[in-house]
């Protein structure tokens, strides 16, 4: 007769950390999906998706940029960014042009319509803050903590992959 071993207290405690509700990555993932749901509603009036909104935020802040720089700001590769830019260009919000200095480089410009959209987008952050139910101070604290978390994870990823930059 075979008996099933009884798990030790240490093993049970360790296994507790394998529960989905204990994973910070899943909490961040769930929060991100919830944000996307709220942004979908808030951005509908602007005719933008959340990723398109992020592109517009960077362009409103920095003006004309090479696609490579835009991707660095957004942490997106060109395969993800190119279709976003194509749709924004089709909507008349941005224009892409090859650089005269370096034909391999494509620069992204806001059109007049893209620049004008910024005024309509001014209420988006307020609506998002309201949707969180948080006080502004709590949001600022969370933002700072998430920035520190991102920096720590970026550093850890570099340590795990030496020579890969």
Protein backbone atom coordinates (compact mmCIF):
# COMPACT_ATOMS: atom_id res chain seq x y z
CA UNK A 1 0.00 0.00 0.00
CA UNK A 2 1.40 3.40 -1.04
CA UNK A 3 0.80 6.37 1.14
CA UNK A 4 0.78 9.93 -0.04
CA UNK A 5 3.39 11.96 1.77
CA UNK A 6 2.04 14.75 3.92
CA UNK A 7 3.51 18.06 2.76
CA UNK A 8 5.69 19.78 5.28
CA UNK A 9 4.74 23.19 6.65
CA UNK A 10 7.66 24.71 4.73
CA UNK A 11 6.53 23.20 1.43
CA UNK A 12 2.95 24.35 2.02
CA UNK A 13 4.15 27.86 2.77
CA UNK A 14 6.29 27.88 -0.39
CA UNK A 15 3.41 26.60 -2.50
CA UNK A 16 1.29 29.43 -1.14
CA UNK A 17 3.49 31.78 -3.19
CA UNK A 18 2.51 29.93 -6.36
CA UNK A 19 -1.10 31.02 -6.07
CA UNK A 20 -2.23 33.38 -8.82
CA UNK A 21 -3.56 35.91 -6.32
CA UNK A 22 -0.05 36.13 -4.79
CA UNK A 23 1.63 37.16 -8.05
CA UNK A 24 2.43 40.88 -8.31
CA UNK A 25 2.85 40.46 -12.06
CA UNK A 26 -0.75 39.26 -12.30
CA UNK A 27 -2.00 42.13 -10.14
CA UNK A 28 -0.26 44.55 -12.52
CA UNK A 29 -1.65 42.67 -15.52
CA UNK A 30 -5.20 42.78 -14.14
CA UNK A 31 -4.87 46.49 -13.30
CA UNK A 32 -3.55 47.17 -16.81
CA UNK A 33 -6.51 45.38 -18.39
CA UNK A 34 -8.90 47.32 -16.13
CA UNK A 35 -7.21 50.58 -17.18
CA UNK A 36 -7.58 49.59 -20.83
CA UNK A 37 -11.31 49.05 -20.32
CA UNK A 38 -11.72 52.52 -18.83
CA UNK A 39 -9.52 54.13 -21.48
CA UNK A 40 -11.56 52.43 -24.22
CA UNK A 41 -14.64 54.32 -23.01
CA UNK A 42 -12.86 57.62 -22.27
CA UNK A 43 -10.96 57.69 -25.58
CA UNK A 44 -13.95 56.75 -27.75
CA UNK A 45 -14.88 60.42 -28.19
CA UNK A 46 -11.36 61.15 -29.42
CA UNK A 47 -11.42 58.26 -31.88
CA UNK A 48 -8.25 56.78 -30.35
CA UNK A 49 -7.29 53.44 -28.92
CA UNK A 50 -5.14 53.38 -25.79
CA UNK A 51 -1.90 52.59 -27.70
CA UNK A 52 -2.70 55.39 -30.19
CA UNK A 53 -3.31 57.75 -27.27
CA UNK A 54 0.15 56.91 -25.91
CA UNK A 55 1.72 57.75 -29.28
CA UNK A 56 -0.13 61.06 -29.33
CA UNK A 57 0.98 61.85 -25.75
CA UNK A 58 4.63 61.44 -26.74
CA UNK A 59 4.20 63.57 -29.87
CA UNK A 60 2.30 66.30 -27.99
CA UNK A 61 5.10 66.38 -25.44
CA UNK A 62 8.15 66.11 -27.72
CA UNK A 63 6.97 67.17 -31.16
CA UNK A 64 8.41 65.60 -34.28
CA UNK A 65 10.41 62.43 -33.56
CA UNK A 66 12.09 59.60 -35.43
CA UNK A 67 10.12 56.36 -35.23
CA UNK A 68 13.02 54.80 -33.31
CA UNK A 69 12.86 57.49 -30.58
CA UNK A 70 9.09 57.21 -30.40
CA UNK A 71 9.45 53.45 -29.88
CA UNK A 72 12.02 54.00 -27.12
CA UNK A 73 9.69 56.39 -25.28
CA UNK A 74 6.84 53.89 -25.49
CA UNK A 75 8.92 50.74 -25.03
CA UNK A 76 7.52 49.39 -28.30
CA UNK A 77 9.33 47.71 -31.18
CA UNK A 78 8.86 48.89 -34.75
CA UNK A 79 6.68 45.88 -35.58
CA UNK A 80 4.14 47.05 -33.02
CA UNK A 81 4.58 50.77 -33.60
CA UNK A 82 4.35 50.80 -37.41
CA UNK A 83 0.70 49.64 -37.63
CA UNK A 84 -0.24 52.19 -34.92
CA UNK A 85 1.37 54.98 -36.91
CA UNK A 86 -0.24 53.76 -40.13
CA UNK A 87 -3.71 53.99 -38.52
CA UNK A 88 -2.97 57.41 -37.00
CA UNK A 89 -1.78 58.61 -40.40
CA UNK A 90 -4.93 57.24 -42.09
CA UNK A 91 -6.96 59.17 -39.49
CA UNK A 92 -5.11 62.35 -40.47
CA UNK A 93 -3.45 62.85 -37.06
CA UNK A 94 0.19 62.23 -37.97
CA UNK A 95 2.40 62.26 -41.03
CA UNK A 96 5.44 60.03 -41.57
CA UNK A 97 8.35 61.22 -43.70
CA UNK A 98 11.74 59.81 -44.52
CA UNK A 99 14.56 61.89 -43.11
CA UNK A 100 16.47 63.89 -45.72
CA UNK A 101 19.71 63.32 -43.79
CA UNK A 102 19.26 59.55 -43.33
CA UNK A 103 16.85 57.81 -45.68
CA UNK A 104 16.67 54.82 -43.30
CA UNK A 105 15.11 57.02 -40.62
CA UNK A 106 11.41 57.90 -40.65
CA UNK A 107 10.22 60.95 -38.71
CA UNK A 108 6.71 61.32 -37.33
CA UNK A 109 5.01 64.75 -37.34
CA UNK A 110 1.70 65.83 -35.90
CA UNK A 111 -0.73 67.24 -38.44
CA UNK A 112 -2.82 70.31 -37.61
CA UNK A 113 -5.67 67.95 -36.76
CA UNK A 114 -3.37 65.91 -34.49
CA UNK A 115 -2.23 69.07 -32.73
CA UNK A 116 -5.83 70.26 -32.30
CA UNK A 117 -6.83 66.93 -30.76
CA UNK A 118 -4.62 67.72 -27.76
CA UNK A 119 -7.15 70.31 -26.56
CA UNK A 120 -9.93 67.72 -26.57
CA UNK A 121 -7.68 65.23 -24.74
CA UNK A 122 -7.09 67.54 -21.77
CA UNK A 123 -9.98 65.98 -19.83
CA UNK A 124 -8.73 62.41 -20.21
CA UNK A 125 -6.36 62.41 -17.20
CA UNK A 126 -9.04 63.86 -14.92
CA UNK A 127 -11.53 61.20 -16.00
CA UNK A 128 -8.96 58.47 -15.38
CA UNK A 129 -8.09 59.82 -11.91
CA UNK A 130 -11.78 59.90 -11.06
CA UNK A 131 -12.23 56.32 -12.30
CA UNK A 132 -9.48 55.06 -9.97
CA UNK A 133 -11.25 56.34 -6.88
CA UNK A 134 -7.81 57.31 -5.53
CA UNK A 135 -6.70 60.64 -4.18
CA UNK A 136 -4.20 62.45 -6.40
CA UNK A 137 -1.48 62.02 -3.74
CA UNK A 138 -2.04 58.24 -3.74
CA UNK A 139 -1.80 58.14 -7.53
CA UNK A 140 1.44 60.12 -7.48
CA UNK A 141 2.87 57.73 -4.86
CA UNK A 142 1.80 54.69 -6.87
CA UNK A 143 3.32 56.22 -10.00
CA UNK A 144 6.66 56.76 -8.24
CA UNK A 145 6.64 53.20 -6.87
CA UNK A 146 5.86 51.74 -10.29
CA UNK A 147 8.70 53.78 -11.83
CA UNK A 148 11.09 52.37 -9.20
CA UNK A 149 9.76 48.86 -9.86
CA UNK A 150 10.31 49.29 -13.61
CA UNK A 151 13.87 50.50 -13.06
CA UNK A 152 14.64 47.58 -10.73
CA UNK A 153 13.19 45.04 -13.17
CA UNK A 154 15.07 46.61 -16.10
CA UNK A 155 18.31 46.36 -14.10
CA UNK A 156 17.55 42.76 -13.12
CA UNK A 157 16.85 41.84 -16.75
CA UNK A 158 20.21 43.31 -17.78
CA UNK A 159 21.98 41.31 -15.06
CA UNK A 160 20.26 38.11 -16.24
CA UNK A 161 21.35 38.69 -19.84
CA UNK A 162 24.92 40.00 -19.73
CA UNK A 163 26.14 41.29 -23.05
CA UNK A 164 22.61 41.65 -24.40
CA UNK A 165 21.73 45.32 -24.63
